[in-house]
Amino acid sequence: MILIVSSRKPSRRTRSFCKDLRASIPRAIYITRGKRSLDEFFKEMDEKDRLIHVSEIKGNPSRLVIYDREKNPLLAVFIKGVRLIRETKRYGYAVEEEKEGSFKILKMLSESLLTRLKAREVNNSIIFDTGLVIRIRGYKTREELEPLRDLYLGIKKG
């Protein structure tokens, strides 16, 4: 099972993005966070479960961090922009030819979530079969995130 959790008071756009992400990822569940801490979600998880924490900047989704049950960040994806399913249906999405230098993030995302995603990667964007489009600015792997683990979980030292 994959839990999708947003920030405490997500904007409408971020909530819609989380719902679209739930529709695009098999075995995913979106839970409204409210006042609950991330620790409460970690306690409810089984051994092979994953948690996706969606952060936002100025009302737009800005980062996905994928955690395992032991609160270890596996992958952080920094989002440049999104096109929601309803926007893709209304306006369509023009796909250009694939350029070199693509992040190959789709493979890492599938491996982190332990599931196969029905999507393709074009020009540093992930295009799901449902119509959700995520434009990627960058990412950090598990090795790069380990020193920042407490920062991402909001744990204060001292």
C-alpha atoms as a PDB file:
ATOM      1  CA  MET A   1       0.000   0.000   0.000  1.00  0.00           C
ATOM      2  CA  ILE A   2       1.157   3.526  -0.767  1.00  0.00           C
ATOM      3  CA  LEU A   3      -0.054   6.382   1.445  1.00  0.00           C
ATOM      4  CA  ILE A   4      -0.176   9.851  -0.099  1.00  0.00           C
ATOM      5  CA  VAL A   5      -0.117  12.617   2.507  1.00  0.00           C
ATOM      6  CA  SER A   6      -0.061  16.376   1.903  1.00  0.00           C
ATOM      7  CA  SER A   7       1.043  19.249   4.091  1.00  0.00           C
ATOM      8  CA  ARG A   8      -1.208  20.268   6.993  1.00  0.00           C
ATOM      9  CA  LYS A   9      -3.285  22.865   5.153  1.00  0.00           C
ATOM     10  CA  PRO A  10      -2.947  22.055   1.445  1.00  0.00           C
ATOM     11  CA  SER A  11      -4.268  24.355  -1.243  1.00  0.00           C
ATOM     12  CA  ARG A  12      -7.034  23.207  -3.595  1.00  0.00           C
ATOM     13  CA  ARG A  13      -4.499  22.574  -6.337  1.00  0.00           C
ATOM     14  CA  THR A  14      -2.312  20.422  -4.082  1.00  0.00           C
ATOM     15  CA  ARG A  15      -5.340  18.402  -2.934  1.00  0.00           C
ATOM     16  CA  SER A  16      -6.347  17.857  -6.565  1.00  0.00           C
ATOM     17  CA  PHE A  17      -2.785  16.843  -7.404  1.00  0.00           C
ATOM     18  CA  CYS A  18      -2.787  14.281  -4.560  1.00  0.00           C
ATOM     19  CA  LYS A  19      -6.087  12.830  -5.795  1.00  0.00           C
ATOM     20  CA  ASP A  20      -4.744  12.634  -9.356  1.00  0.00           C
ATOM     21  CA  LEU A  21      -1.573  10.972  -8.055  1.00  0.00           C
ATOM     22  CA  ARG A  22      -3.743   8.435  -6.214  1.00  0.00           C
ATOM     23  CA  ALA A  23      -5.564   7.669  -9.467  1.00  0.00           C
ATOM     24  CA  SER A  24      -2.245   7.298 -11.318  1.00  0.00           C
ATOM     25  CA  ILE A  25      -0.387   5.013  -8.878  1.00  0.00           C
ATOM     26  CA  PRO A  26      -1.654   1.466  -8.246  1.00  0.00           C
ATOM     27  CA  ARG A  27      -2.445   0.588  -4.605  1.00  0.00           C
ATOM     28  CA  ALA A  28      -2.294   4.251  -3.555  1.00  0.00           C
ATOM     29  CA  ILE A  29      -4.493   5.884  -0.923  1.00  0.00           C
ATOM     30  CA  TYR A  30      -4.779   9.627  -0.308  1.00  0.00           C
ATOM     31  CA  ILE A  31      -5.370  10.549   3.311  1.00  0.00           C
ATOM     32  CA  THR A  32      -6.259  14.047   4.437  1.00  0.00           C
ATOM     33  CA  ARG A  33      -3.614  14.876   7.009  1.00  0.00           C
ATOM     34  CA  GLY A  34      -5.291  17.487   9.180  1.00  0.00           C
ATOM     35  CA  LYS A  35      -3.503  17.869  12.516  1.00  0.00           C
ATOM     36  CA  ARG A  36      -1.878  14.438  12.449  1.00  0.00           C
ATOM     37  CA  SER A  37       1.904  14.217  12.456  1.00  0.00           C
ATOM     38  CA  LEU A  38       3.816  12.077   9.978  1.00  0.00           C
ATOM     39  CA  ASP A  39       4.781   9.770  12.861  1.00  0.00           C
ATOM     40  CA  GLU A  40       1.163   8.682  13.206  1.00  0.00           C
ATOM     41  CA  PHE A  41       1.133   7.588   9.564  1.00  0.00           C
ATOM     42  CA  PHE A  42       4.412   5.696   9.970  1.00  0.00           C
ATOM     43  CA  LYS A  43       2.936   3.731  12.886  1.00  0.00           C
ATOM     44  CA  GLU A  44       0.002   2.584  10.724  1.00  0.00           C
ATOM     45  CA  MET A  45       2.237   1.304   7.911  1.00  0.00           C
ATOM     46  CA  ASP A  46       3.183  -2.318   7.216  1.00  0.00           C
ATOM     47  CA  GLU A  47       6.679  -3.464   6.303  1.00  0.00           C
ATOM     48  CA  LYS A  48       6.449  -2.968   2.524  1.00  0.00           C
ATOM     49  CA  ASP A  49       4.275   0.142   2.618  1.00  0.00           C
ATOM     50  CA  ARG A  50       5.515   3.482   1.327  1.00  0.00           C
ATOM     51  CA  LEU A  51       4.544   7.034   2.239  1.00  0.00           C
ATOM     52  CA  ILE A  52       4.594   9.915  -0.251  1.00  0.00           C
ATOM     53  CA  HIS A  53       4.703  13.329   1.407  1.00  0.00           C
ATOM     54  CA  VAL A  54       3.626  16.139  -0.940  1.00  0.00           C
ATOM     55  CA  SER A  55       4.923  19.626  -0.074  1.00  0.00           C
ATOM     56  CA  GLU A  56       3.866  22.887  -1.660  1.00  0.00           C
ATOM     57  CA  ILE A  57       5.199  26.381  -2.321  1.00  0.00           C
ATOM     58  CA  LYS A  58       2.759  29.236  -2.961  1.00  0.00           C
ATOM     59  CA  GLY A  59      -0.150  26.815  -3.338  1.00  0.00           C
ATOM     60  CA  ASN A  60       1.494  24.568  -5.937  1.00  0.00           C
ATOM     61  CA  PRO A  61       2.953  21.091  -5.394  1.00  0.00           C
ATOM     62  CA  SER A  62       6.723  21.485  -5.137  1.00  0.00           C
ATOM     63  CA  ARG A  63       8.194  18.260  -3.776  1.00  0.00           C
ATOM     64  CA  LEU A  64       7.430  14.557  -3.370  1.00  0.00           C
ATOM     65  CA  VAL A  65       9.406  12.682  -0.733  1.00  0.00           C
ATOM     66  CA  ILE A  66       9.007   8.911  -0.602  1.00  0.00           C
ATOM     67  CA  TYR A  67       9.632   7.193   2.757  1.00  0.00           C
ATOM     68  CA  ASP A  68       9.785   3.579   3.874  1.00  0.00           C
ATOM     69  CA  ARG A  69       8.334   2.321   7.170  1.00  0.00           C
ATOM     70  CA  GLU A  70      11.503   3.141   9.143  1.00  0.00           C
ATOM     71  CA  LYS A  71      11.170   6.845   8.208  1.00  0.00           C
ATOM     72  CA  ASN A  72      14.073   6.623   5.759  1.00  0.00           C
ATOM     73  CA  PRO A  73      13.661   8.935   2.762  1.00  0.00           C
ATOM     74  CA  LEU A  74      14.133   6.878  -0.399  1.00  0.00           C
ATOM     75  CA  LEU A  75      13.697   9.538  -3.060  1.00  0.00           C
ATOM     76  CA  ALA A  76      12.871  13.236  -3.226  1.00  0.00           C
ATOM     77  CA  VAL A  77      11.471  14.622  -6.478  1.00  0.00           C
ATOM     78  CA  PHE A  78      11.465  18.386  -6.945  1.00  0.00           C
ATOM     79  CA  ILE A  79       8.537  19.507  -9.067  1.00  0.00           C
ATOM     80  CA  LYS A  80       8.770  22.307 -11.594  1.00  0.00           C
ATOM     81  CA  GLY A  81       5.081  22.222 -12.457  1.00  0.00           C
ATOM     82  CA  VAL A  82       2.080  19.951 -12.847  1.00  0.00           C
ATOM     83  CA  ARG A  83      -0.812  19.577 -15.227  1.00  0.00           C
ATOM     84  CA  LEU A  84      -3.779  17.978 -13.519  1.00  0.00           C
ATOM     85  CA  ILE A  85      -5.976  15.368 -15.179  1.00  0.00           C
ATOM     86  CA  ARG A  86      -8.847  17.832 -15.636  1.00  0.00           C
ATOM     87  CA  GLU A  87      -6.493  20.342 -17.312  1.00  0.00           C
ATOM     88  CA  THR A  88      -5.031  17.707 -19.633  1.00  0.00           C
ATOM     89  CA  LYS A  89      -8.512  16.648 -20.722  1.00  0.00           C
ATOM     90  CA  ARG A  90      -9.483  20.243 -21.402  1.00  0.00           C
ATOM     91  CA  TYR A  91      -6.335  21.543 -23.092  1.00  0.00           C
ATOM     92  CA  GLY A  92      -4.468  18.396 -24.155  1.00  0.00           C
ATOM     93  CA  TYR A  93      -0.734  17.972 -23.827  1.00  0.00           C
ATOM     94  CA  ALA A  94       1.696  18.463 -26.681  1.00  0.00           C
ATOM     95  CA  VAL A  95       4.570  15.977 -26.506  1.00  0.00           C
ATOM     96  CA  GLU A  96       7.851  16.878 -28.151  1.00  0.00           C
ATOM     97  CA  GLU A  97      10.563  14.446 -29.117  1.00  0.00           C
ATOM     98  CA  GLU A  98      12.568  13.081 -26.214  1.00  0.00           C
ATOM     99  CA  LYS A  99      15.770  15.005 -25.576  1.00  0.00           C
ATOM    100  CA  GLU A 100      19.035  13.752 -24.129  1.00  0.00           C
ATOM    101  CA  GLY A 101      19.709  14.473 -20.494  1.00  0.00           C
ATOM    102  CA  SER A 102      16.414  13.077 -19.279  1.00  0.00           C
ATOM    103  CA  PHE A 103      16.501  12.322 -15.540  1.00  0.00           C
ATOM    104  CA  LYS A 104      15.363   8.682 -15.881  1.00  0.00           C
ATOM    105  CA  ILE A 105      13.343   9.423 -12.782  1.00  0.00           C
ATOM    106  CA  LEU A 106      10.469   7.125 -13.745  1.00  0.00           C
ATOM    107  CA  LYS A 107      12.561   3.995 -13.124  1.00  0.00           C
ATOM    108  CA  MET A 108      13.745   5.298  -9.723  1.00  0.00           C
ATOM    109  CA  LEU A 109      10.193   6.265  -8.794  1.00  0.00           C
ATOM    110  CA  SER A 110       8.878   2.793  -9.674  1.00  0.00           C
ATOM    111  CA  GLU A 111      11.658   1.116  -7.688  1.00  0.00           C
ATOM    112  CA  SER A 112      11.058   3.339  -4.643  1.00  0.00           C
ATOM    113  CA  LEU A 113       7.323   2.636  -4.664  1.00  0.00           C
ATOM    114  CA  LEU A 114       7.779  -1.098  -5.349  1.00  0.00           C
ATOM    115  CA  THR A 115       5.220  -0.942  -8.139  1.00  0.00           C
ATOM    116  CA  ARG A 116       5.091  -0.554 -11.904  1.00  0.00           C
ATOM    117  CA  LEU A 117       3.799   2.822 -13.041  1.00  0.00           C
ATOM    118  CA  LYS A 118       1.792   3.244 -16.226  1.00  0.00           C
ATOM    119  CA  ALA A 119       3.593   6.306 -17.490  1.00  0.00           C
ATOM    120  CA  ARG A 120       6.317   7.523 -19.792  1.00  0.00           C
ATOM    121  CA  GLU A 121       9.080  10.059 -19.375  1.00  0.00           C
ATOM    122  CA  VAL A 122       9.566  12.786 -21.964  1.00  0.00           C
ATOM    123  CA  ASN A 123      11.778  15.876 -21.607  1.00  0.00           C
ATOM    124  CA  ASN A 124      12.102  15.623 -17.833  1.00  0.00           C
ATOM    125  CA  SER A 125       8.349  15.187 -17.455  1.00  0.00           C
ATOM    126  CA  ILE A 126       6.445  12.139 -16.277  1.00  0.00           C
ATOM    127  CA  ILE A 127       3.241  11.645 -18.238  1.00  0.00           C
ATOM    128  CA  PHE A 128       0.875   9.153 -16.597  1.00  0.00           C
ATOM    129  CA  ASP A 129      -1.699   7.256 -18.637  1.00  0.00           C
ATOM    130  CA  THR A 130      -4.421   8.959 -16.584  1.00  0.00           C
ATOM    131  CA  GLY A 131      -3.378  12.354 -17.984  1.00  0.00           C
ATOM    132  CA  LEU A 132      -1.446  13.682 -14.980  1.00  0.00           C
ATOM    133  CA  VAL A 133       1.784  15.408 -16.018  1.00  0.00           C
ATOM    134  CA  ILE A 134       4.611  16.183 -13.581  1.00  0.00           C
ATOM    135  CA  ARG A 135       7.466  18.362 -14.800  1.00  0.00           C
ATOM    136  CA  ILE A 136      10.621  17.530 -12.867  1.00  0.00           C
ATOM    137  CA  ARG A 137      13.178  20.133 -11.737  1.00  0.00           C
ATOM    138  CA  GLY A 138      15.500  17.644 -10.027  1.00  0.00           C
ATOM    139  CA  TYR A 139      15.761  14.810  -7.532  1.00  0.00           C
ATOM    140  CA  LYS A 140      17.830  13.456  -4.658  1.00  0.00           C
ATOM    141  CA  THR A 141      18.476   9.776  -4.030  1.00  0.00           C
ATOM    142  CA  ARG A 142      18.571   7.911  -0.733  1.00  0.00           C
ATOM    143  CA  GLU A 143      22.319   8.483  -0.303  1.00  0.00           C
ATOM    144  CA  GLU A 144      21.939  12.241  -0.755  1.00  0.00           C
ATOM    145  CA  LEU A 145      18.915  12.423   1.565  1.00  0.00           C
ATOM    146  CA  GLU A 146      20.291  10.481   4.535  1.00  0.00           C
ATOM    147  CA  PRO A 147      22.141  13.473   6.070  1.00  0.00           C
ATOM    148  CA  LEU A 148      18.958  15.576   5.641  1.00  0.00           C
ATOM    149  CA  ARG A 149      16.573  12.972   7.115  1.00  0.00           C
ATOM    150  CA  ASP A 150      15.764  14.896  10.305  1.00  0.00           C
ATOM    151  CA  LEU A 151      15.226  18.106   8.346  1.00  0.00           C
ATOM    152  CA  TYR A 152      12.645  16.488   6.027  1.00  0.00           C
ATOM    153  CA  LEU A 153      10.803  14.880   8.955  1.00  0.00           C
ATOM    154  CA  GLY A 154      10.795  18.116  10.955  1.00  0.00           C
ATOM    155  CA  ILE A 155      12.804  16.702  13.870  1.00  0.00           C
ATOM    156  CA  LYS A 156      14.569  19.372  15.889  1.00  0.00           C
ATOM    157  CA  LYS A 157      17.975  18.578  17.329  1.00  0.00           C
ATOM    158  CA  GLY A 158      19.124  19.835  20.688  1.00  0.00           C
END
